[in-house]
Amino acid sequence: MSGTNGGNPQRRRSRRPYRDAALAYSGLGILVVVIAYATGSSFVRSFLGGAVAAVLATGWTWWRLRQRERAAEREAEQESK
């Protein structure tokens, strides 16, 4: 797809990537809890598994987003010199 046959093919970034990641992984954590509980696990164990999965995934994503921001800042700083 090119820019001449439709919408802009460039990937559009969210204005709030940290919030979006937290919401997405919280939703997936809830899904883990529901599936684990539905398949016979205790609620407490299901909840802990979903919470740990959501926290780890959110933390990883936030860390990677911050790394990208720092790299962009360094690149902008080098270009301005």
Protein backbone atom coordinates (compact mmCIF):
# COMPACT_ATOMS: atom_id res chain seq x y z
CA MET A 1 0.00 0.00 0.00
CA SER A 2 1.33 3.40 -0.85
CA GLY A 3 0.37 6.87 0.25
CA THR A 4 -1.40 7.47 -3.04
CA ASN A 5 -4.05 4.76 -2.85
CA GLY A 6 -5.87 5.43 0.39
CA GLY A 7 -5.09 6.50 3.89
CA ASN A 8 -1.64 7.14 5.22
CA PRO A 9 0.07 3.76 5.54
CA GLN A 10 2.40 4.98 8.27
CA ARG A 11 1.74 3.55 11.68
CA ARG A 12 -0.05 5.98 13.95
CA ARG A 13 1.14 6.07 17.55
CA SER A 14 -1.08 6.57 20.53
CA ARG A 15 -0.87 9.78 22.54
CA ARG A 16 -1.00 7.76 25.76
CA PRO A 17 0.97 4.55 25.21
CA TYR A 18 1.56 3.90 28.92
CA ARG A 19 -2.15 4.06 29.72
CA ASP A 20 -3.03 2.00 26.67
CA ALA A 21 -0.56 -0.73 27.66
CA ALA A 22 -1.89 -0.83 31.21
CA LEU A 23 -5.48 -1.13 30.00
CA ALA A 24 -4.67 -3.78 27.41
CA TYR A 25 -2.70 -5.96 29.80
CA SER A 26 -5.26 -5.52 32.56
CA GLY A 27 -7.89 -6.81 30.15
CA LEU A 28 -5.72 -9.77 29.24
CA GLY A 29 -5.08 -10.41 32.95
CA ILE A 30 -8.83 -10.55 33.53
CA LEU A 31 -9.12 -12.98 30.63
CA VAL A 32 -6.45 -15.19 32.24
CA VAL A 33 -8.41 -15.16 35.52
CA VAL A 34 -11.66 -16.10 33.82
CA ILE A 35 -10.14 -18.91 31.74
CA ALA A 36 -8.13 -20.32 34.65
CA TYR A 37 -11.13 -20.25 36.98
CA ALA A 38 -13.41 -21.75 34.32
CA THR A 39 -11.01 -24.65 33.82
CA GLY A 40 -11.01 -25.62 37.48
CA SER A 41 -8.35 -23.53 39.22
CA SER A 42 -9.20 -21.83 42.51
CA PHE A 43 -10.18 -18.18 42.29
CA VAL A 44 -7.26 -17.00 44.42
CA ARG A 45 -4.74 -18.88 42.29
CA SER A 46 -6.41 -17.64 39.10
CA PHE A 47 -6.41 -14.06 40.35
CA LEU A 48 -2.76 -14.20 41.38
CA GLY A 49 -1.76 -15.65 38.00
CA GLY A 50 -3.68 -13.00 36.08
CA ALA A 51 -2.36 -10.19 38.27
CA VAL A 52 1.25 -11.34 37.97
CA ALA A 53 0.93 -11.74 34.20
CA ALA A 54 -0.59 -8.26 33.82
CA VAL A 55 2.01 -6.59 36.05
CA LEU A 56 4.95 -8.27 34.32
CA ALA A 57 3.66 -7.54 30.82
CA THR A 58 2.84 -3.92 31.69
CA GLY A 59 6.21 -3.39 33.33
CA TRP A 60 8.06 -4.85 30.36
CA THR A 61 6.14 -2.69 27.90
CA TRP A 62 6.66 0.47 29.95
CA TRP A 63 10.38 -0.28 30.18
CA ARG A 64 10.63 -0.75 26.41
CA LEU A 65 8.63 2.45 25.76
CA ARG A 66 10.97 4.39 28.03
CA GLN A 67 14.00 2.95 26.23
CA ARG A 68 12.58 4.17 22.91
CA GLU A 69 11.95 7.63 24.37
CA ARG A 70 15.51 7.84 25.66
CA ALA A 71 16.91 6.72 22.30
CA ALA A 72 14.83 9.35 20.50
CA GLU A 73 16.03 12.00 22.96
CA ARG A 74 19.67 11.02 22.38
CA GLU A 75 19.16 11.06 18.61
CA ALA A 76 17.52 14.49 18.73
CA GLU A 77 20.34 15.75 20.94
CA GLN A 78 22.98 14.47 18.51
CA GLU A 79 21.20 16.04 15.54
CA SER A 80 21.10 19.42 17.25
CA LYS A 81 24.87 19.45 17.76
